Amino acid sequence: TINSADVIVHTIGTLFDTSVTHRVKPGGPGTYEQVNRDTLASLLDVLEKPKKIIYVSSAGHPPFLSRYLRAKHEAEQLLLKS
């Protein structure tokens, strides 16, 4: 199980979300918020004790993808607060 791991590497993310490809509202299934941020929140919720977590984030984004970077940074904040 995830709780028996010594280290967790979180590489889940999407560059083209469903708000662009299928007109889903931000925060809905397949969006930057759900994939890039909420998957990390779900992981943190199921951990029974603190773990070493490597989170792959981003330092930049194409000009039209500011929500991508915002969701990544929100996930970083969740991790730092956990």
PDB file of N, CA and C in Angstrom:
ATOM      1  N   THR A   1       0.833  -1.190   0.000  1.00  0.00           N
ATOM      2  CA  THR A   1       0.000   0.000   0.000  1.00  0.00           C
ATOM      3  C   THR A   1       0.871   1.244   0.000  1.00  0.00           C
ATOM      4  N   ILE A   2       0.234   2.367  -0.216  1.00  0.00           N
ATOM      5  CA  ILE A   2       0.960   3.640  -0.252  1.00  0.00           C
ATOM      6  C   ILE A   2       1.583   3.946   1.105  1.00  0.00           C
ATOM      7  N   ASN A   3       0.959   3.508   2.177  1.00  0.00           N
ATOM      8  CA  ASN A   3       1.484   3.795   3.510  1.00  0.00           C
ATOM      9  C   ASN A   3       2.695   2.965   3.880  1.00  0.00           C
ATOM     10  N   SER A   4       3.009   1.933   3.109  1.00  0.00           N
ATOM     11  CA  SER A   4       4.213   1.159   3.390  1.00  0.00           C
ATOM     12  C   SER A   4       5.433   1.689   2.641  1.00  0.00           C
ATOM     13  N   ALA A   5       5.248   2.677   1.789  1.00  0.00           N
ATOM     14  CA  ALA A   5       6.353   3.256   1.017  1.00  0.00           C
ATOM     15  C   ALA A   5       7.205   4.165   1.898  1.00  0.00           C
ATOM     16  N   ASP A   6       8.503   4.186   1.634  1.00  0.00           N
ATOM     17  CA  ASP A   6       9.402   5.108   2.329  1.00  0.00           C
ATOM     18  C   ASP A   6       9.397   6.493   1.683  1.00  0.00           C
ATOM     19  N   VAL A   7       9.288   6.507   0.357  1.00  0.00           N
ATOM     20  CA  VAL A   7       9.298   7.746  -0.419  1.00  0.00           C
ATOM     21  C   VAL A   7       8.206   7.657  -1.475  1.00  0.00           C
ATOM     22  N   ILE A   8       7.526   8.771  -1.725  1.00  0.00           N
ATOM     23  CA  ILE A   8       6.494   8.831  -2.760  1.00  0.00           C
ATOM     24  C   ILE A   8       6.908   9.898  -3.768  1.00  0.00           C
ATOM     25  N   VAL A   9       6.849   9.554  -5.039  1.00  0.00           N
ATOM     26  CA  VAL A   9       7.138  10.501  -6.109  1.00  0.00           C
ATOM     27  C   VAL A   9       5.827  10.815  -6.820  1.00  0.00           C
ATOM     28  N   HIS A  10       5.413  12.076  -6.759  1.00  0.00           N
ATOM     29  CA  HIS A  10       4.168  12.511  -7.389  1.00  0.00           C
ATOM     30  C   HIS A  10       4.507  13.197  -8.714  1.00  0.00           C
ATOM     31  N   THR A  11       4.196  12.538  -9.814  1.00  0.00           N
ATOM     32  CA  THR A  11       4.466  13.099 -11.140  1.00  0.00           C
ATOM     33  C   THR A  11       3.184  13.284 -11.937  1.00  0.00           C
ATOM     34  N   ILE A  12       2.048  13.169 -11.279  1.00  0.00           N
ATOM     35  CA  ILE A  12       0.766  13.273 -11.969  1.00  0.00           C
ATOM     36  C   ILE A  12       0.542  14.720 -12.402  1.00  0.00           C
ATOM     37  N   GLY A  13       0.118  14.898 -13.619  1.00  0.00           N
ATOM     38  CA  GLY A  13      -0.175  16.236 -14.113  1.00  0.00           C
ATOM     39  C   GLY A  13      -0.715  16.165 -15.527  1.00  0.00           C
ATOM     40  N   THR A  14      -1.247  17.275 -15.970  1.00  0.00           N
ATOM     41  CA  THR A  14      -1.732  17.362 -17.342  1.00  0.00           C
ATOM     42  C   THR A  14      -1.389  18.736 -17.886  1.00  0.00           C
ATOM     43  N   LEU A  15      -1.005  18.793 -19.141  1.00  0.00           N
ATOM     44  CA  LEU A  15      -0.698  20.070 -19.770  1.00  0.00           C
ATOM     45  C   LEU A  15      -1.919  20.633 -20.493  1.00  0.00           C
ATOM     46  N   PHE A  16      -2.741  19.777 -21.040  1.00  0.00           N
ATOM     47  CA  PHE A  16      -3.962  20.218 -21.721  1.00  0.00           C
ATOM     48  C   PHE A  16      -5.153  19.648 -20.968  1.00  0.00           C
ATOM     49  N   ASP A  17      -5.840  20.503 -20.241  1.00  0.00           N
ATOM     50  CA  ASP A  17      -6.927  20.025 -19.388  1.00  0.00           C
ATOM     51  C   ASP A  17      -8.273  20.027 -20.107  1.00  0.00           C
ATOM     52  N   THR A  18      -9.253  19.440 -19.449  1.00  0.00           N
ATOM     53  CA  THR A  18     -10.567  19.280 -20.068  1.00  0.00           C
ATOM     54  C   THR A  18     -11.352  20.585 -20.166  1.00  0.00           C
ATOM     55  N   SER A  19     -10.919  21.639 -19.473  1.00  0.00           N
ATOM     56  CA  SER A  19     -11.604  22.924 -19.674  1.00  0.00           C
ATOM     57  C   SER A  19     -11.286  23.460 -21.062  1.00  0.00           C
ATOM     58  N   VAL A  20     -10.146  23.076 -21.603  1.00  0.00           N
ATOM     59  CA  VAL A  20      -9.756  23.476 -22.947  1.00  0.00           C
ATOM     60  C   VAL A  20     -10.305  22.492 -23.978  1.00  0.00           C
ATOM     61  N   THR A  21     -10.155  21.198 -23.715  1.00  0.00           N
ATOM     62  CA  THR A  21     -10.518  20.193 -24.710  1.00  0.00           C
ATOM     63  C   THR A  21     -12.000  19.817 -24.711  1.00  0.00           C
ATOM     64  N   HIS A  22     -12.674  19.926 -23.550  1.00  0.00           N
ATOM     65  CA  HIS A  22     -14.083  19.504 -23.464  1.00  0.00           C
ATOM     66  C   HIS A  22     -14.982  20.525 -22.765  1.00  0.00           C
ATOM     67  N   ARG A  23     -14.483  21.730 -22.565  1.00  0.00           N
ATOM     68  CA  ARG A  23     -15.253  22.821 -21.946  1.00  0.00           C
ATOM     69  C   ARG A  23     -15.782  22.492 -20.542  1.00  0.00           C
ATOM     70  N   VAL A  24     -15.016  21.734 -19.777  1.00  0.00           N
ATOM     71  CA  VAL A  24     -15.359  21.451 -18.379  1.00  0.00           C
ATOM     72  C   VAL A  24     -14.978  22.678 -17.555  1.00  0.00           C
ATOM     73  N   LYS A  25     -15.780  23.022 -16.557  1.00  0.00           N
ATOM     74  CA  LYS A  25     -15.484  24.176 -15.712  1.00  0.00           C
ATOM     75  C   LYS A  25     -14.214  23.925 -14.906  1.00  0.00           C
ATOM     76  N   PRO A  26     -13.384  24.963 -14.685  1.00  0.00           N
ATOM     77  CA  PRO A  26     -12.190  24.807 -13.862  1.00  0.00           C
ATOM     78  C   PRO A  26     -12.517  24.148 -12.522  1.00  0.00           C
ATOM     79  N   GLY A  27     -11.720  23.171 -12.154  1.00  0.00           N
ATOM     80  CA  GLY A  27     -11.932  22.410 -10.928  1.00  0.00           C
ATOM     81  C   GLY A  27     -12.645  21.098 -11.165  1.00  0.00           C
ATOM     82  N   GLY A  28     -13.220  20.935 -12.350  1.00  0.00           N
ATOM     83  CA  GLY A  28     -13.937  19.708 -12.688  1.00  0.00           C
ATOM     84  C   GLY A  28     -12.986  18.591 -13.075  1.00  0.00           C
ATOM     85  N   PRO A  29     -13.523  17.414 -13.367  1.00  0.00           N
ATOM     86  CA  PRO A  29     -12.702  16.254 -13.723  1.00  0.00           C
ATOM     87  C   PRO A  29     -11.796  16.532 -14.927  1.00  0.00           C
ATOM     88  N   GLY A  30     -10.523  16.221 -14.763  1.00  0.00           N
ATOM     89  CA  GLY A  30      -9.569  16.361 -15.852  1.00  0.00           C
ATOM     90  C   GLY A  30      -8.994  17.756 -16.031  1.00  0.00           C
ATOM     91  N   THR A  31      -9.340  18.688 -15.138  1.00  0.00           N
ATOM     92  CA  THR A  31      -8.798  20.052 -15.241  1.00  0.00           C
ATOM     93  C   THR A  31      -7.479  20.147 -14.482  1.00  0.00           C
ATOM     94  N   TYR A  32      -6.772  21.252 -14.689  1.00  0.00           N
ATOM     95  CA  TYR A  32      -5.502  21.472 -13.985  1.00  0.00           C
ATOM     96  C   TYR A  32      -5.687  21.363 -12.481  1.00  0.00           C
ATOM     97  N   GLU A  33      -6.745  21.966 -11.987  1.00  0.00           N
ATOM     98  CA  GLU A  33      -6.970  21.968 -10.540  1.00  0.00           C
ATOM     99  C   GLU A  33      -7.176  20.547 -10.018  1.00  0.00           C
ATOM    100  N   GLN A  34      -7.967  19.780 -10.714  1.00  0.00           N
ATOM    101  CA  GLN A  34      -8.265  18.418 -10.267  1.00  0.00           C
ATOM    102  C   GLN A  34      -7.048  17.511 -10.427  1.00  0.00           C
ATOM    103  N   VAL A  35      -6.378  17.581 -11.556  1.00  0.00           N
ATOM    104  CA  VAL A  35      -5.266  16.665 -11.821  1.00  0.00           C
ATOM    105  C   VAL A  35      -3.987  17.129 -11.130  1.00  0.00           C
ATOM    106  N   ASN A  36      -3.606  18.379 -11.312  1.00  0.00           N
ATOM    107  CA  ASN A  36      -2.319  18.852 -10.804  1.00  0.00           C
ATOM    108  C   ASN A  36      -2.319  19.157  -9.313  1.00  0.00           C
ATOM    109  N   ARG A  37      -3.461  19.550  -8.753  1.00  0.00           N
ATOM    110  CA  ARG A  37      -3.534  19.911  -7.331  1.00  0.00           C
ATOM    111  C   ARG A  37      -4.256  18.862  -6.490  1.00  0.00           C
ATOM    112  N   ASP A  38      -5.463  18.491  -6.904  1.00  0.00           N
ATOM    113  CA  ASP A  38      -6.310  17.658  -6.053  1.00  0.00           C
ATOM    114  C   ASP A  38      -5.811  16.228  -5.910  1.00  0.00           C
ATOM    115  N   THR A  39      -5.050  15.725  -6.890  1.00  0.00           N
ATOM    116  CA  THR A  39      -4.488  14.378  -6.721  1.00  0.00           C
ATOM    117  C   THR A  39      -3.483  14.361  -5.572  1.00  0.00           C
ATOM    118  N   LEU A  40      -2.738  15.452  -5.418  1.00  0.00           N
ATOM    119  CA  LEU A  40      -1.806  15.537  -4.289  1.00  0.00           C
ATOM    120  C   LEU A  40      -2.581  15.658  -2.978  1.00  0.00           C
ATOM    121  N   ALA A  41      -3.641  16.457  -2.974  1.00  0.00           N
ATOM    122  CA  ALA A  41      -4.466  16.589  -1.766  1.00  0.00           C
ATOM    123  C   ALA A  41      -5.040  15.232  -1.360  1.00  0.00           C
ATOM    124  N   SER A  42      -5.485  14.458  -2.326  1.00  0.00           N
ATOM    125  CA  SER A  42      -6.026  13.122  -2.035  1.00  0.00           C
ATOM    126  C   SER A  42      -4.953  12.206  -1.466  1.00  0.00           C
ATOM    127  N   LEU A  43      -3.769  12.294  -2.014  1.00  0.00           N
ATOM    128  CA  LEU A  43      -2.654  11.500  -1.489  1.00  0.00           C
ATOM    129  C   LEU A  43      -2.374  11.865  -0.034  1.00  0.00           C
ATOM    130  N   LEU A  44      -2.298  13.157   0.253  1.00  0.00           N
ATOM    131  CA  LEU A  44      -2.018  13.600   1.618  1.00  0.00           C
ATOM    132  C   LEU A  44      -3.108  13.147   2.585  1.00  0.00           C
ATOM    133  N   ASP A  45      -4.341  13.074   2.116  1.00  0.00           N
ATOM    134  CA  ASP A  45      -5.460  12.654   2.959  1.00  0.00           C
ATOM    135  C   ASP A  45      -5.360  11.193   3.391  1.00  0.00           C
ATOM    136  N   VAL A  46      -4.769  10.330   2.560  1.00  0.00           N
ATOM    137  CA  VAL A  46      -4.734   8.905   2.889  1.00  0.00           C
ATOM    138  C   VAL A  46      -3.456   8.480   3.620  1.00  0.00           C
ATOM    139  N   LEU A  47      -2.489   9.374   3.708  1.00  0.00           N
ATOM    140  CA  LEU A  47      -1.256   9.003   4.403  1.00  0.00           C
ATOM    141  C   LEU A  47      -1.493   8.923   5.896  1.00  0.00           C
ATOM    142  N   GLU A  48      -1.032   7.831   6.493  1.00  0.00           N
ATOM    143  CA  GLU A  48      -1.222   7.631   7.923  1.00  0.00           C
ATOM    144  C   GLU A  48      -0.162   8.322   8.760  1.00  0.00           C
ATOM    145  N   LYS A  49       0.990   8.567   8.175  1.00  0.00           N
ATOM    146  CA  LYS A  49       2.067   9.265   8.877  1.00  0.00           C
ATOM    147  C   LYS A  49       2.875  10.044   7.842  1.00  0.00           C
ATOM    148  N   PRO A  50       3.662  11.008   8.306  1.00  0.00           N
ATOM    149  CA  PRO A  50       4.453  11.803   7.356  1.00  0.00           C
ATOM    150  C   PRO A  50       5.372  10.933   6.495  1.00  0.00           C
ATOM    151  N   LYS A  51       5.519  11.328   5.263  1.00  0.00           N
ATOM    152  CA  LYS A  51       6.365  10.614   4.304  1.00  0.00           C
ATOM    153  C   LYS A  51       7.278  11.601   3.597  1.00  0.00           C
ATOM    154  N   LYS A  52       8.322  11.069   3.015  1.00  0.00           N
ATOM    155  CA  LYS A  52       9.129  11.867   2.098  1.00  0.00           C
ATOM    156  C   LYS A  52       8.392  11.857   0.767  1.00  0.00           C
ATOM    157  N   ILE A  53       8.055  13.045   0.286  1.00  0.00           N
ATOM    158  CA  ILE A  53       7.321  13.159  -0.972  1.00  0.00           C
ATOM    159  C   ILE A  53       8.121  14.037  -1.928  1.00  0.00           C
ATOM    160  N   ILE A  54       8.350  13.527  -3.104  1.00  0.00           N
ATOM    161  CA  ILE A  54       8.973  14.305  -4.167  1.00  0.00           C
ATOM    162  C   ILE A  54       7.843  14.728  -5.093  1.00  0.00           C
ATOM    163  N   TYR A  55       7.663  16.023  -5.214  1.00  0.00           N
ATOM    164  CA  TYR A  55       6.582  16.566  -6.041  1.00  0.00           C
ATOM    165  C   TYR A  55       7.201  17.265  -7.245  1.00  0.00           C
ATOM    166  N   VAL A  56       6.822  16.836  -8.439  1.00  0.00           N
ATOM    167  CA  VAL A  56       7.336  17.446  -9.656  1.00  0.00           C
ATOM    168  C   VAL A  56       6.423  18.615 -10.009  1.00  0.00           C
ATOM    169  N   SER A  57       6.955  19.823  -9.910  1.00  0.00           N
ATOM    170  CA  SER A  57       6.162  21.009 -10.172  1.00  0.00           C
ATOM    171  C   SER A  57       6.622  21.666 -11.470  1.00  0.00           C
ATOM    172  N   SER A  58       6.486  22.973 -11.543  1.00  0.00           N
ATOM    173  CA  SER A  58       6.832  23.696 -12.763  1.00  0.00           C
ATOM    174  C   SER A  58       7.253  25.111 -12.407  1.00  0.00           C
ATOM    175  N   ALA A  59       8.212  25.635 -13.143  1.00  0.00           N
ATOM    176  CA  ALA A  59       8.669  27.002 -12.921  1.00  0.00           C
ATOM    177  C   ALA A  59       8.084  27.968 -13.939  1.00  0.00           C
ATOM    178  N   GLY A  60       7.420  27.446 -14.944  1.00  0.00           N
ATOM    179  CA  GLY A  60       6.881  28.313 -15.977  1.00  0.00           C
ATOM    180  C   GLY A  60       5.789  27.619 -16.756  1.00  0.00           C
ATOM    181  N   HIS A  61       5.190  28.358 -17.683  1.00  0.00           N
ATOM    182  CA  HIS A  61       4.093  27.818 -18.477  1.00  0.00           C
ATOM    183  C   HIS A  61       4.019  28.588 -19.785  1.00  0.00           C
ATOM    184  N   PRO A  62       3.438  27.985 -20.796  1.00  0.00           N
ATOM    185  CA  PRO A  62       3.160  28.760 -22.009  1.00  0.00           C
ATOM    186  C   PRO A  62       2.213  29.908 -21.666  1.00  0.00           C
ATOM    187  N   PRO A  63       2.240  31.003 -22.412  1.00  0.00           N
ATOM    188  CA  PRO A  63       1.451  32.199 -22.067  1.00  0.00           C
ATOM    189  C   PRO A  63      -0.037  31.945 -21.829  1.00  0.00           C
ATOM    190  N   PHE A  64      -0.628  30.991 -22.486  1.00  0.00           N
ATOM    191  CA  PHE A  64      -2.069  30.778 -22.366  1.00  0.00           C
ATOM    192  C   PHE A  64      -2.436  29.756 -21.294  1.00  0.00           C
ATOM    193  N   LEU A  65      -1.467  29.306 -20.500  1.00  0.00           N
ATOM    194  CA  LEU A  65      -1.742  28.255 -19.505  1.00  0.00           C
ATOM    195  C   LEU A  65      -1.432  28.708 -18.078  1.00  0.00           C
ATOM    196  N   SER A  66      -1.838  29.898 -17.690  1.00  0.00           N
ATOM    197  CA  SER A  66      -1.539  30.383 -16.339  1.00  0.00           C
ATOM    198  C   SER A  66      -2.213  29.537 -15.262  1.00  0.00           C
ATOM    199  N   ARG A  67      -3.395  28.964 -15.545  1.00  0.00           N
ATOM    200  CA  ARG A  67      -4.062  28.097 -14.561  1.00  0.00           C
ATOM    201  C   ARG A  67      -3.237  26.849 -14.285  1.00  0.00           C
ATOM    202  N   TYR A  68      -2.497  26.369 -15.265  1.00  0.00           N
ATOM    203  CA  TYR A  68      -1.623  25.213 -15.071  1.00  0.00           C
ATOM    204  C   TYR A  68      -0.632  25.501 -13.952  1.00  0.00           C
ATOM    205  N   LEU A  69       0.072  26.610 -14.070  1.00  0.00           N
ATOM    206  CA  LEU A  69       1.082  26.955 -13.076  1.00  0.00           C
ATOM    207  C   LEU A  69       0.447  27.265 -11.722  1.00  0.00           C
ATOM    208  N   ARG A  70      -0.683  27.945 -11.711  1.00  0.00           N
ATOM    209  CA  ARG A  70      -1.365  28.253 -10.448  1.00  0.00           C
ATOM    210  C   ARG A  70      -1.749  26.965  -9.710  1.00  0.00           C
ATOM    211  N   ALA A  71      -2.269  25.976 -10.421  1.00  0.00           N
ATOM    212  CA  ALA A  71      -2.647  24.705  -9.790  1.00  0.00           C
ATOM    213  C   ALA A  71      -1.421  23.985  -9.240  1.00  0.00           C
ATOM    214  N   LYS A  72      -0.310  24.019  -9.966  1.00  0.00           N
ATOM    215  CA  LYS A  72       0.928  23.404  -9.480  1.00  0.00           C
ATOM    216  C   LYS A  72       1.399  24.091  -8.198  1.00  0.00           C
ATOM    217  N   HIS A  73       1.358  25.416  -8.171  1.00  0.00           N
ATOM    218  CA  HIS A  73       1.792  26.149  -6.982  1.00  0.00           C
ATOM    219  C   HIS A  73       0.849  25.924  -5.801  1.00  0.00           C
ATOM    220  N   GLU A  74      -0.433  25.804  -6.072  1.00  0.00           N
ATOM    221  CA  GLU A  74      -1.381  25.492  -4.991  1.00  0.00           C
ATOM    222  C   GLU A  74      -1.074  24.123  -4.396  1.00  0.00           C
ATOM    223  N   ALA A  75      -0.706  23.175  -5.229  1.00  0.00           N
ATOM    224  CA  ALA A  75      -0.328  21.849  -4.731  1.00  0.00           C
ATOM    225  C   ALA A  75       0.927  21.932  -3.883  1.00  0.00           C
ATOM    226  N   GLU A  76       1.895  22.742  -4.299  1.00  0.00           N
ATOM    227  CA  GLU A  76       3.110  22.931  -3.502  1.00  0.00           C
ATOM    228  C   GLU A  76       2.760  23.449  -2.117  1.00  0.00           C
ATOM    229  N   GLN A  77       1.841  24.400  -2.044  1.00  0.00           N
ATOM    230  CA  GLN A  77       1.430  24.954  -0.764  1.00  0.00           C
ATOM    231  C   GLN A  77       0.766  23.904   0.123  1.00  0.00           C
ATOM    232  N   LEU A  78      -0.066  23.056  -0.467  1.00  0.00           N
ATOM    233  CA  LEU A  78      -0.672  21.959   0.306  1.00  0.00           C
ATOM    234  C   LEU A  78       0.404  21.059   0.898  1.00  0.00           C
ATOM    235  N   LEU A  79       1.406  20.770   0.089  1.00  0.00           N
ATOM    236  CA  LEU A  79       2.483  19.889   0.546  1.00  0.00           C
ATOM    237  C   LEU A  79       3.293  20.550   1.665  1.00  0.00           C
ATOM    238  N   LEU A  80       3.594  21.813   1.509  1.00  0.00           N
ATOM    239  CA  LEU A  80       4.365  22.510   2.537  1.00  0.00           C
ATOM    240  C   LEU A  80       3.614  22.615   3.858  1.00  0.00           C
ATOM    241  N   LYS A  81       2.278  22.723   3.787  1.00  0.00           N
ATOM    242  CA  LYS A  81       1.472  22.837   5.006  1.00  0.00           C
ATOM    243  C   LYS A  81       1.217  21.497   5.680  1.00  0.00           C
ATOM    244  N   SER A  82       1.438  20.408   4.943  1.00  0.00           N
ATOM    245  CA  SER A  82       1.109  19.085   5.499  1.00  0.00           C
ATOM    246  C   SER A  82       2.152  18.613   6.498  1.00  0.00           C
TER     247      SER A  82
END
